[in-house]
């Protein structure tokens, strides 16, 4: 059983930056590959970023955020981060962290990011 709690969302101006965090419960966090998804109003959920387990040596990004977003992990704190830069209105969405363990998907409650002037 894992619990995921996102934080760090808010209102930011176009061109601004924001860093999201996701704190995970459980002692096996370092074994978990982790993902950030987002869901914009009226749209489906989109995979934004992926980081591999353990040292997090492999990352991957949606084309829409490549070069602007950076996913990272801190296994000592059971936390992942999503550093978002050069934000624009199309990045407005609820952002969720997600992982799968023993065939079960775990999702956080989401954190709202609004990009607006």
C-alpha atoms as a PDB file:
ATOM      1  CA  UNK A   1       0.000   0.000   0.000  1.00  0.00           C
ATOM      2  CA  UNK A   2       1.339   3.394  -0.967  1.00  0.00           C
ATOM      3  CA  UNK A   3       0.015   6.886  -0.385  1.00  0.00           C
ATOM      4  CA  UNK A   4       0.998   9.775  -2.631  1.00  0.00           C
ATOM      5  CA  UNK A   5       0.549  13.419  -1.711  1.00  0.00           C
ATOM      6  CA  UNK A   6       1.267  16.205  -4.187  1.00  0.00           C
ATOM      7  CA  UNK A   7       2.060  19.799  -3.301  1.00  0.00           C
ATOM      8  CA  UNK A   8       3.439  22.959  -4.830  1.00  0.00           C
ATOM      9  CA  UNK A   9       0.707  23.914  -7.275  1.00  0.00           C
ATOM     10  CA  UNK A  10      -0.619  27.413  -7.631  1.00  0.00           C
ATOM     11  CA  UNK A  11      -1.074  30.398  -9.899  1.00  0.00           C
ATOM     12  CA  UNK A  12       1.881  31.474 -12.006  1.00  0.00           C
ATOM     13  CA  UNK A  13       2.297  33.986 -14.807  1.00  0.00           C
ATOM     14  CA  UNK A  14       3.180  32.893 -18.338  1.00  0.00           C
ATOM     15  CA  UNK A  15       6.907  32.356 -18.607  1.00  0.00           C
ATOM     16  CA  UNK A  16       7.178  31.610 -14.920  1.00  0.00           C
ATOM     17  CA  UNK A  17       8.387  28.566 -13.045  1.00  0.00           C
ATOM     18  CA  UNK A  18       6.972  26.219 -10.448  1.00  0.00           C
ATOM     19  CA  UNK A  19       8.179  23.087  -8.716  1.00  0.00           C
ATOM     20  CA  UNK A  20       5.777  20.342  -7.741  1.00  0.00           C
ATOM     21  CA  UNK A  21       6.533  17.701  -5.140  1.00  0.00           C
ATOM     22  CA  UNK A  22       5.049  14.286  -4.456  1.00  0.00           C
ATOM     23  CA  UNK A  23       5.668  12.631  -1.108  1.00  0.00           C
ATOM     24  CA  UNK A  24       5.216   8.869  -0.978  1.00  0.00           C
ATOM     25  CA  UNK A  25       4.634   6.605   1.974  1.00  0.00           C
ATOM     26  CA  UNK A  26       6.123   3.133   2.205  1.00  0.00           C
ATOM     27  CA  UNK A  27       9.591   1.709   2.560  1.00  0.00           C
ATOM     28  CA  UNK A  28       9.884   0.464  -1.005  1.00  0.00           C
ATOM     29  CA  UNK A  29       9.807   3.872  -2.642  1.00  0.00           C
ATOM     30  CA  UNK A  30      13.266   3.454  -4.127  1.00  0.00           C
ATOM     31  CA  UNK A  31      11.989   0.426  -6.075  1.00  0.00           C
ATOM     32  CA  UNK A  32       9.216   2.397  -7.705  1.00  0.00           C
ATOM     33  CA  UNK A  33       9.311   4.022 -11.092  1.00  0.00           C
ATOM     34  CA  UNK A  34       7.293   7.220 -10.782  1.00  0.00           C
ATOM     35  CA  UNK A  35       5.236   9.316 -13.158  1.00  0.00           C
ATOM     36  CA  UNK A  36       3.663  12.739 -13.360  1.00  0.00           C
ATOM     37  CA  UNK A  37       0.387  13.059 -15.233  1.00  0.00           C
ATOM     38  CA  UNK A  38      -1.791  16.085 -15.855  1.00  0.00           C
ATOM     39  CA  UNK A  39      -5.389  16.661 -16.800  1.00  0.00           C
ATOM     40  CA  UNK A  40      -6.530  19.916 -18.309  1.00  0.00           C
ATOM     41  CA  UNK A  41     -10.189  20.988 -18.202  1.00  0.00           C
ATOM     42  CA  UNK A  42     -12.225  18.985 -20.713  1.00  0.00           C
ATOM     43  CA  UNK A  43      -9.271  16.807 -21.696  1.00  0.00           C
ATOM     44  CA  UNK A  44      -8.017  13.347 -20.883  1.00  0.00           C
ATOM     45  CA  UNK A  45      -5.173  12.554 -18.552  1.00  0.00           C
ATOM     46  CA  UNK A  46      -1.733  13.019 -20.158  1.00  0.00           C
ATOM     47  CA  UNK A  47       1.545  11.400 -19.133  1.00  0.00           C
ATOM     48  CA  UNK A  48       3.996  14.258 -18.631  1.00  0.00           C
ATOM     49  CA  UNK A  49       7.157  12.742 -17.173  1.00  0.00           C
ATOM     50  CA  UNK A  50       8.637   9.426 -16.073  1.00  0.00           C
ATOM     51  CA  UNK A  51      11.565   8.559 -13.844  1.00  0.00           C
ATOM     52  CA  UNK A  52      12.979   5.100 -13.325  1.00  0.00           C
ATOM     53  CA  UNK A  53      13.368   3.455  -9.949  1.00  0.00           C
ATOM     54  CA  UNK A  54      16.403   3.406  -7.666  1.00  0.00           C
ATOM     55  CA  UNK A  55      18.827   6.081  -8.869  1.00  0.00           C
ATOM     56  CA  UNK A  56      16.398   7.497 -11.374  1.00  0.00           C
ATOM     57  CA  UNK A  57      18.931   7.263 -14.135  1.00  0.00           C
ATOM     58  CA  UNK A  58      16.307   7.166 -16.868  1.00  0.00           C
ATOM     59  CA  UNK A  59      13.796   9.918 -17.491  1.00  0.00           C
ATOM     60  CA  UNK A  60      11.356  10.569 -20.287  1.00  0.00           C
ATOM     61  CA  UNK A  61       9.031  13.437 -21.133  1.00  0.00           C
ATOM     62  CA  UNK A  62       6.039  14.258 -23.258  1.00  0.00           C
ATOM     63  CA  UNK A  63       7.016  16.242 -26.338  1.00  0.00           C
ATOM     64  CA  UNK A  64       4.899  19.144 -25.114  1.00  0.00           C
ATOM     65  CA  UNK A  65       7.117  19.653 -22.036  1.00  0.00           C
ATOM     66  CA  UNK A  66      10.500  18.400 -23.213  1.00  0.00           C
ATOM     67  CA  UNK A  67      13.216  20.929 -22.475  1.00  0.00           C
ATOM     68  CA  UNK A  68      10.992  22.840 -20.022  1.00  0.00           C
ATOM     69  CA  UNK A  69      10.165  20.269 -17.315  1.00  0.00           C
ATOM     70  CA  UNK A  70      12.568  18.217 -15.219  1.00  0.00           C
ATOM     71  CA  UNK A  71      11.616  15.227 -13.089  1.00  0.00           C
ATOM     72  CA  UNK A  72      13.840  14.168 -10.212  1.00  0.00           C
ATOM     73  CA  UNK A  73      13.702  11.988  -7.130  1.00  0.00           C
ATOM     74  CA  UNK A  74      15.075  12.010  -3.596  1.00  0.00           C
ATOM     75  CA  UNK A  75      14.917   8.466  -2.257  1.00  0.00           C
ATOM     76  CA  UNK A  76      16.067   9.533   1.201  1.00  0.00           C
ATOM     77  CA  UNK A  77      12.932  11.676   1.486  1.00  0.00           C
ATOM     78  CA  UNK A  78      10.574   9.405  -0.488  1.00  0.00           C
ATOM     79  CA  UNK A  79       9.850  12.344  -2.768  1.00  0.00           C
ATOM     80  CA  UNK A  80       9.800  13.178  -6.425  1.00  0.00           C
ATOM     81  CA  UNK A  81       9.777  16.647  -7.933  1.00  0.00           C
ATOM     82  CA  UNK A  82       8.689  18.215 -11.182  1.00  0.00           C
ATOM     83  CA  UNK A  83      10.495  21.422 -12.007  1.00  0.00           C
ATOM     84  CA  UNK A  84       8.453  23.347 -14.560  1.00  0.00           C
ATOM     85  CA  UNK A  85       9.854  26.332 -16.462  1.00  0.00           C
ATOM     86  CA  UNK A  86       8.681  28.604 -19.248  1.00  0.00           C
ATOM     87  CA  UNK A  87       5.107  27.834 -18.331  1.00  0.00           C
ATOM     88  CA  UNK A  88       2.288  28.761 -20.694  1.00  0.00           C
ATOM     89  CA  UNK A  89      -1.490  28.608 -20.609  1.00  0.00           C
ATOM     90  CA  UNK A  90      -1.494  25.129 -22.122  1.00  0.00           C
ATOM     91  CA  UNK A  91       0.245  23.842 -18.980  1.00  0.00           C
ATOM     92  CA  UNK A  92      -2.810  24.711 -16.875  1.00  0.00           C
ATOM     93  CA  UNK A  93      -4.051  21.444 -15.416  1.00  0.00           C
ATOM     94  CA  UNK A  94      -4.338  19.306 -12.332  1.00  0.00           C
ATOM     95  CA  UNK A  95      -1.050  17.456 -11.893  1.00  0.00           C
ATOM     96  CA  UNK A  96      -0.934  13.970 -10.406  1.00  0.00           C
ATOM     97  CA  UNK A  97       1.889  11.682  -9.380  1.00  0.00           C
ATOM     98  CA  UNK A  98       1.444   7.982  -9.994  1.00  0.00           C
ATOM     99  CA  UNK A  99       3.157   4.677  -9.462  1.00  0.00           C
ATOM    100  CA  UNK A 100       2.349   1.009  -9.903  1.00  0.00           C
ATOM    101  CA  UNK A 101       3.258  -1.555  -7.293  1.00  0.00           C
ATOM    102  CA  UNK A 102       2.451  -5.283  -7.506  1.00  0.00           C
ATOM    103  CA  UNK A 103      -0.021  -4.566 -10.255  1.00  0.00           C
ATOM    104  CA  UNK A 104      -1.876  -1.885  -8.324  1.00  0.00           C
ATOM    105  CA  UNK A 105      -1.932   1.723  -9.479  1.00  0.00           C
ATOM    106  CA  UNK A 106      -1.572   4.456  -6.891  1.00  0.00           C
ATOM    107  CA  UNK A 107      -2.505   8.086  -7.509  1.00  0.00           C
ATOM    108  CA  UNK A 108      -2.257  11.218  -5.491  1.00  0.00           C
ATOM    109  CA  UNK A 109      -5.133  13.641  -5.061  1.00  0.00           C
ATOM    110  CA  UNK A 110      -3.624  16.101  -7.538  1.00  0.00           C
ATOM    111  CA  UNK A 111      -2.425  19.678  -7.327  1.00  0.00           C
ATOM    112  CA  UNK A 112      -3.786  22.504  -9.472  1.00  0.00           C
ATOM    113  CA  UNK A 113      -1.436  24.522 -11.663  1.00  0.00           C
ATOM    114  CA  UNK A 114      -2.893  27.617 -13.305  1.00  0.00           C
ATOM    115  CA  UNK A 115      -0.866  29.671 -15.746  1.00  0.00           C
ATOM    116  CA  UNK A 116      -2.450  33.063 -16.253  1.00  0.00           C
ATOM    117  CA  UNK A 117      -1.614  36.742 -16.278  1.00  0.00           C
END
